[in-house]
Structure formats: structure tokens, C-alpha cells
């Protein structure tokens, strides 16, 4: 399946949900915000939110500083 991830084309083999995408990218769900086709996905919906061909996904990571 092909999606656009943060503006770049990405080929996914067995990823079907937002949770699986985050696992593949080695990102902790509680450290990111996921936008799917211009809609922000609530973290408790990541596991139930399925990805489809040509989806536009934006992942924003929280970064602490001081």
C-alpha cells in the first residue's frame, strides 16, 4: 500500500492501522499527534483507524526542551 507520510511517498507492506504504522516507525503513541487526511486522530482510536491506499498521514512528535 502506498501512502504519503509527512509529505513523502511511503510504501507499506503489512501495515493496516495507525497503531501498526507507529510500531513500524518505532514511535510511541503517547509522544505523537497523528493527522489522517486532514483530520486529527484521537490516540484512543489509533488501533481502530485503518489506513487506505493514497492516505495522507502527518505525524508530529512532541519534543521536550529546557
PDB file of N, CA and C in Angstrom:
ATOM      1  N   UNK A   1       0.838  -1.164   0.000  1.00  0.00           N
ATOM      2  CA  UNK A   1       0.000   0.000   0.000  1.00  0.00           C
ATOM      3  C   UNK A   1       0.890   1.236   0.000  1.00  0.00           C
ATOM      4  N   UNK A   2       0.486   2.242  -0.748  1.00  0.00           N
ATOM      5  CA  UNK A   2       1.236   3.489  -0.810  1.00  0.00           C
ATOM      6  C   UNK A   2       0.461   4.578  -0.076  1.00  0.00           C
ATOM      7  N   UNK A   3       1.175   5.303   0.806  1.00  0.00           N
ATOM      8  CA  UNK A   3       0.602   6.452   1.475  1.00  0.00           C
ATOM      9  C   UNK A   3       1.584   7.613   1.325  1.00  0.00           C
ATOM     10  N   UNK A   4       1.166   8.784   1.739  1.00  0.00           N
ATOM     11  CA  UNK A   4       2.076   9.914   1.835  1.00  0.00           C
ATOM     12  C   UNK A   4       2.254  10.185   3.320  1.00  0.00           C
ATOM     13  N   UNK A   5       3.500  10.106   3.784  1.00  0.00           N
ATOM     14  CA  UNK A   5       3.819  10.281   5.193  1.00  0.00           C
ATOM     15  C   UNK A   5       4.668  11.533   5.349  1.00  0.00           C
ATOM     16  N   UNK A   6       4.126  12.518   6.036  1.00  0.00           N
ATOM     17  CA  UNK A   6       4.808  13.800   6.240  1.00  0.00           C
ATOM     18  C   UNK A   6       5.323  14.379   4.920  1.00  0.00           C
ATOM     19  N   UNK A   7       4.481  14.272   3.890  1.00  0.00           N
ATOM     20  CA  UNK A   7       4.807  14.855   2.601  1.00  0.00           C
ATOM     21  C   UNK A   7       5.651  13.998   1.680  1.00  0.00           C
ATOM     22  N   UNK A   8       6.054  12.810   2.137  1.00  0.00           N
ATOM     23  CA  UNK A   8       6.900  11.925   1.335  1.00  0.00           C
ATOM     24  C   UNK A   8       6.182  10.617   1.031  1.00  0.00           C
ATOM     25  N   UNK A   9       6.339  10.098  -0.190  1.00  0.00           N
ATOM     26  CA  UNK A   9       5.727   8.805  -0.505  1.00  0.00           C
ATOM     27  C   UNK A   9       6.332   7.702   0.353  1.00  0.00           C
ATOM     28  N   UNK A  10       5.485   6.789   0.800  1.00  0.00           N
ATOM     29  CA  UNK A  10       5.944   5.674   1.643  1.00  0.00           C
ATOM     30  C   UNK A  10       5.196   4.423   1.223  1.00  0.00           C
ATOM     31  N   UNK A  11       5.947   3.360   1.019  1.00  0.00           N
ATOM     32  CA  UNK A  11       5.368   2.054   0.675  1.00  0.00           C
ATOM     33  C   UNK A  11       5.277   1.231   1.957  1.00  0.00           C
ATOM     34  N   UNK A  12       4.082   0.713   2.239  1.00  0.00           N
ATOM     35  CA  UNK A  12       3.866  -0.111   3.429  1.00  0.00           C
ATOM     36  C   UNK A  12       3.492  -1.516   3.003  1.00  0.00           C
ATOM     37  N   UNK A  13       4.061  -2.492   3.680  1.00  0.00           N
ATOM     38  CA  UNK A  13       3.761  -3.866   3.289  1.00  0.00           C
ATOM     39  C   UNK A  13       2.576  -4.446   4.056  1.00  0.00           C
ATOM     40  N   UNK A  14       2.653  -4.481   5.370  1.00  0.00           N
ATOM     41  CA  UNK A  14       1.589  -5.150   6.113  1.00  0.00           C
ATOM     42  C   UNK A  14       0.929  -4.241   7.140  1.00  0.00           C
ATOM     43  N   UNK A  15       1.093  -2.952   7.005  1.00  0.00           N
ATOM     44  CA  UNK A  15       0.506  -2.007   7.950  1.00  0.00           C
ATOM     45  C   UNK A  15      -0.955  -1.764   7.592  1.00  0.00           C
ATOM     46  N   UNK A  16      -1.828  -1.888   8.590  1.00  0.00           N
ATOM     47  CA  UNK A  16      -3.248  -1.698   8.322  1.00  0.00           C
ATOM     48  C   UNK A  16      -3.871  -0.614   9.199  1.00  0.00           C
ATOM     49  N   UNK A  17      -3.275  -0.313  10.357  1.00  0.00           N
ATOM     50  CA  UNK A  17      -3.841   0.667  11.268  1.00  0.00           C
ATOM     51  C   UNK A  17      -2.788   1.714  11.649  1.00  0.00           C
ATOM     52  N   UNK A  18      -3.257   2.786  12.263  1.00  0.00           N
ATOM     53  CA  UNK A  18      -2.332   3.819  12.740  1.00  0.00           C
ATOM     54  C   UNK A  18      -1.389   3.231  13.776  1.00  0.00           C
ATOM     55  N   UNK A  19      -1.888   2.389  14.677  1.00  0.00           N
ATOM     56  CA  UNK A  19      -1.027   1.758  15.682  1.00  0.00           C
ATOM     57  C   UNK A  19       0.086   0.959  15.023  1.00  0.00           C
ATOM     58  N   UNK A  20      -0.234   0.182  14.000  1.00  0.00           N
ATOM     59  CA  UNK A  20       0.782  -0.613  13.311  1.00  0.00           C
ATOM     60  C   UNK A  20       1.799   0.279  12.603  1.00  0.00           C
ATOM     61  N   UNK A  21       1.352   1.404  12.056  1.00  0.00           N
ATOM     62  CA  UNK A  21       2.269   2.341  11.422  1.00  0.00           C
ATOM     63  C   UNK A  21       3.243   2.903  12.451  1.00  0.00           C
ATOM     64  N   UNK A  22       2.732   3.317  13.601  1.00  0.00           N
ATOM     65  CA  UNK A  22       3.597   3.864  14.645  1.00  0.00           C
ATOM     66  C   UNK A  22       4.590   2.821  15.140  1.00  0.00           C
ATOM     67  N   UNK A  23       4.148   1.582  15.265  1.00  0.00           N
ATOM     68  CA  UNK A  23       5.046   0.495  15.678  1.00  0.00           C
ATOM     69  C   UNK A  23       6.142   0.297  14.646  1.00  0.00           C
ATOM     70  N   UNK A  24       5.791   0.293  13.376  1.00  0.00           N
ATOM     71  CA  UNK A  24       6.761   0.139  12.295  1.00  0.00           C
ATOM     72  C   UNK A  24       7.792   1.264  12.321  1.00  0.00           C
ATOM     73  N   UNK A  25       7.340   2.466  12.642  1.00  0.00           N
ATOM     74  CA  UNK A  25       8.226   3.632  12.679  1.00  0.00           C
ATOM     75  C   UNK A  25       8.946   3.773  14.020  1.00  0.00           C
ATOM     76  N   UNK A  26       8.666   2.850  14.938  1.00  0.00           N
ATOM     77  CA  UNK A  26       9.249   2.858  16.281  1.00  0.00           C
ATOM     78  C   UNK A  26       8.939   4.147  17.027  1.00  0.00           C
ATOM     79  N   UNK A  27       7.681   4.574  16.945  1.00  0.00           N
ATOM     80  CA  UNK A  27       7.217   5.766  17.639  1.00  0.00           C
ATOM     81  C   UNK A  27       6.203   5.370  18.702  1.00  0.00           C
ATOM     82  N   UNK A  28       6.372   5.908  19.905  1.00  0.00           N
ATOM     83  CA  UNK A  28       5.420   5.653  20.983  1.00  0.00           C
ATOM     84  C   UNK A  28       4.157   6.476  20.752  1.00  0.00           C
ATOM     85  N   UNK A  29       2.996   5.854  20.801  1.00  0.00           N
ATOM     86  CA  UNK A  29       1.740   6.566  20.533  1.00  0.00           C
ATOM     87  C   UNK A  29       1.506   7.773  21.436  1.00  0.00           C
ATOM     88  N   UNK A  30       2.035   7.746  22.644  1.00  0.00           N
ATOM     89  CA  UNK A  30       1.793   8.857  23.562  1.00  0.00           C
ATOM     90  C   UNK A  30       2.748  10.034  23.348  1.00  0.00           C
ATOM     91  N   UNK A  31       3.608   9.952  22.327  1.00  0.00           N
ATOM     92  CA  UNK A  31       4.546  11.043  22.053  1.00  0.00           C
ATOM     93  C   UNK A  31       4.290  11.715  20.707  1.00  0.00           C
ATOM     94  N   UNK A  32       3.160  11.393  20.075  1.00  0.00           N
ATOM     95  CA  UNK A  32       2.882  11.933  18.748  1.00  0.00           C
ATOM     96  C   UNK A  32       1.422  12.380  18.616  1.00  0.00           C
ATOM     97  N   UNK A  33       1.201  13.213  17.610  1.00  0.00           N
ATOM     98  CA  UNK A  33      -0.142  13.540  17.142  1.00  0.00           C
ATOM     99  C   UNK A  33      -0.209  13.040  15.709  1.00  0.00           C
ATOM    100  N   UNK A  34      -1.285  12.348  15.371  1.00  0.00           N
ATOM    101  CA  UNK A  34      -1.440  11.800  14.020  1.00  0.00           C
ATOM    102  C   UNK A  34      -2.617  12.483  13.337  1.00  0.00           C
ATOM    103  N   UNK A  35      -2.336  12.977  12.132  1.00  0.00           N
ATOM    104  CA  UNK A  35      -3.373  13.564  11.297  1.00  0.00           C
ATOM    105  C   UNK A  35      -3.538  12.668  10.072  1.00  0.00           C
ATOM    106  N   UNK A  36      -4.763  12.255   9.811  1.00  0.00           N
ATOM    107  CA  UNK A  36      -5.057  11.376   8.680  1.00  0.00           C
ATOM    108  C   UNK A  36      -6.032  12.085   7.755  1.00  0.00           C
ATOM    109  N   UNK A  37      -5.554  12.400   6.556  1.00  0.00           N
ATOM    110  CA  UNK A  37      -6.397  13.094   5.574  1.00  0.00           C
ATOM    111  C   UNK A  37      -7.020  14.360   6.168  1.00  0.00           C
ATOM    112  N   UNK A  38      -6.209  15.161   6.810  1.00  0.00           N
ATOM    113  CA  UNK A  38      -6.529  16.462   7.428  1.00  0.00           C
ATOM    114  C   UNK A  38      -7.344  16.381   8.711  1.00  0.00           C
ATOM    115  N   UNK A  39      -7.602  15.188   9.220  1.00  0.00           N
ATOM    116  CA  UNK A  39      -8.330  15.038  10.476  1.00  0.00           C
ATOM    117  C   UNK A  39      -7.400  14.501  11.552  1.00  0.00           C
ATOM    118  N   UNK A  40      -7.390  15.149  12.718  1.00  0.00           N
ATOM    119  CA  UNK A  40      -6.571  14.658  13.824  1.00  0.00           C
ATOM    120  C   UNK A  40      -7.253  13.441  14.424  1.00  0.00           C
ATOM    121  N   UNK A  41      -6.469  12.385  14.595  1.00  0.00           N
ATOM    122  CA  UNK A  41      -6.985  11.130  15.143  1.00  0.00           C
ATOM    123  C   UNK A  41      -6.709  11.110  16.648  1.00  0.00           C
ATOM    124  N   UNK A  42      -7.723  10.792  17.428  1.00  0.00           N
ATOM    125  CA  UNK A  42      -7.551  10.690  18.875  1.00  0.00           C
ATOM    126  C   UNK A  42      -6.733   9.440  19.204  1.00  0.00           C
ATOM    127  N   UNK A  43      -5.810   9.539  20.156  1.00  0.00           N
ATOM    128  CA  UNK A  43      -4.949   8.392  20.479  1.00  0.00           C
ATOM    129  C   UNK A  43      -5.708   7.107  20.811  1.00  0.00           C
ATOM    130  N   UNK A  44      -6.870   7.217  21.443  1.00  0.00           N
ATOM    131  CA  UNK A  44      -7.615   6.001  21.768  1.00  0.00           C
ATOM    132  C   UNK A  44      -8.265   5.367  20.529  1.00  0.00           C
ATOM    133  N   UNK A  45      -8.149   6.028  19.373  1.00  0.00           N
ATOM    134  CA  UNK A  45      -8.686   5.481  18.124  1.00  0.00           C
ATOM    135  C   UNK A  45      -7.604   4.937  17.196  1.00  0.00           C
ATOM    136  N   UNK A  46      -6.334   5.055  17.577  1.00  0.00           N
ATOM    137  CA  UNK A  46      -5.241   4.621  16.695  1.00  0.00           C
ATOM    138  C   UNK A  46      -5.396   3.159  16.267  1.00  0.00           C
ATOM    139  N   UNK A  47      -5.750   2.311  17.212  1.00  0.00           N
ATOM    140  CA  UNK A  47      -5.828   0.883  16.897  1.00  0.00           C
ATOM    141  C   UNK A  47      -6.988   0.554  15.961  1.00  0.00           C
ATOM    142  N   UNK A  48      -8.043   1.350  16.009  1.00  0.00           N
ATOM    143  CA  UNK A  48      -9.228   1.095  15.186  1.00  0.00           C
ATOM    144  C   UNK A  48      -9.226   1.865  13.865  1.00  0.00           C
ATOM    145  N   UNK A  49      -8.267   2.779  13.703  1.00  0.00           N
ATOM    146  CA  UNK A  49      -8.233   3.607  12.498  1.00  0.00           C
ATOM    147  C   UNK A  49      -7.413   2.922  11.419  1.00  0.00           C
ATOM    148  N   UNK A  50      -8.082   2.486  10.384  1.00  0.00           N
ATOM    149  CA  UNK A  50      -7.433   1.762   9.295  1.00  0.00           C
ATOM    150  C   UNK A  50      -6.863   2.725   8.261  1.00  0.00           C
ATOM    151  N   UNK A  51      -5.731   2.354   7.710  1.00  0.00           N
ATOM    152  CA  UNK A  51      -5.114   3.117   6.639  1.00  0.00           C
ATOM    153  C   UNK A  51      -5.538   2.538   5.296  1.00  0.00           C
ATOM    154  N   UNK A  52      -5.641   3.412   4.305  1.00  0.00           N
ATOM    155  CA  UNK A  52      -6.034   3.002   2.960  1.00  0.00           C
ATOM    156  C   UNK A  52      -5.037   3.536   1.940  1.00  0.00           C
ATOM    157  N   UNK A  53      -5.064   2.953   0.770  1.00  0.00           N
ATOM    158  CA  UNK A  53      -4.222   3.398  -0.336  1.00  0.00           C
ATOM    159  C   UNK A  53      -4.382   4.908  -0.545  1.00  0.00           C
ATOM    160  N   UNK A  54      -3.255   5.581  -0.742  1.00  0.00           N
ATOM    161  CA  UNK A  54      -3.203   7.016  -1.031  1.00  0.00           C
ATOM    162  C   UNK A  54      -3.600   7.926   0.130  1.00  0.00           C
ATOM    163  N   UNK A  55      -3.668   7.391   1.354  1.00  0.00           N
ATOM    164  CA  UNK A  55      -3.924   8.243   2.513  1.00  0.00           C
ATOM    165  C   UNK A  55      -2.791   9.238   2.699  1.00  0.00           C
ATOM    166  N   UNK A  56      -3.136  10.395   3.247  1.00  0.00           N
ATOM    167  CA  UNK A  56      -2.169  11.425   3.604  1.00  0.00           C
ATOM    168  C   UNK A  56      -2.033  11.393   5.128  1.00  0.00           C
ATOM    169  N   UNK A  57      -0.848  11.051   5.628  1.00  0.00           N
ATOM    170  CA  UNK A  57      -0.623  10.939   7.063  1.00  0.00           C
ATOM    171  C   UNK A  57       0.456  11.938   7.476  1.00  0.00           C
ATOM    172  N   UNK A  58       0.161  12.700   8.512  1.00  0.00           N
ATOM    173  CA  UNK A  58       1.140  13.603   9.112  1.00  0.00           C
ATOM    174  C   UNK A  58       1.334  13.151  10.554  1.00  0.00           C
ATOM    175  N   UNK A  59       2.578  12.984  10.953  1.00  0.00           N
ATOM    176  CA  UNK A  59       2.894  12.612  12.332  1.00  0.00           C
ATOM    177  C   UNK A  59       3.760  13.719  12.917  1.00  0.00           C
ATOM    178  N   UNK A  60       3.294  14.276  14.010  1.00  0.00           N
ATOM    179  CA  UNK A  60       4.018  15.335  14.700  1.00  0.00           C
ATOM    180  C   UNK A  60       4.485  14.779  16.035  1.00  0.00           C
ATOM    181  N   UNK A  61       5.797  14.885  16.278  1.00  0.00           N
ATOM    182  CA  UNK A  61       6.379  14.361  17.519  1.00  0.00           C
ATOM    183  C   UNK A  61       6.518  15.467  18.542  1.00  0.00           C
ATOM    184  N   UNK A  62       6.245  15.117  19.803  1.00  0.00           N
ATOM    185  CA  UNK A  62       6.482  16.047  20.898  1.00  0.00           C
ATOM    186  C   UNK A  62       7.946  15.998  21.262  1.00  0.00           C
ATOM    187  N   UNK A  63       8.542  17.158  21.425  1.00  0.00           N
ATOM    188  CA  UNK A  63       9.949  17.233  21.810  1.00  0.00           C
ATOM    189  C   UNK A  63      10.055  18.155  23.009  1.00  0.00           C
ATOM    190  N   UNK A  64      10.650  17.641  24.073  1.00  0.00           N
ATOM    191  CA  UNK A  64      10.834  18.452  25.283  1.00  0.00           C
ATOM    192  C   UNK A  64      12.150  19.215  25.197  1.00  0.00           C
ATOM    193  N   UNK A  65      12.201  20.257  25.916  1.00  0.00           N
ATOM    194  CA  UNK A  65      13.432  21.050  25.924  1.00  0.00           C
ATOM    195  C   UNK A  65      13.504  21.840  27.219  1.00  0.00           C
ATOM    196  N   UNK A  66      14.564  22.537  27.358  1.00  0.00           N
ATOM    197  CA  UNK A  66      14.647  23.310  28.573  1.00  0.00           C
ATOM    198  C   UNK A  66      15.858  24.188  28.625  1.00  0.00           C
TER     199      UNK A  66
END
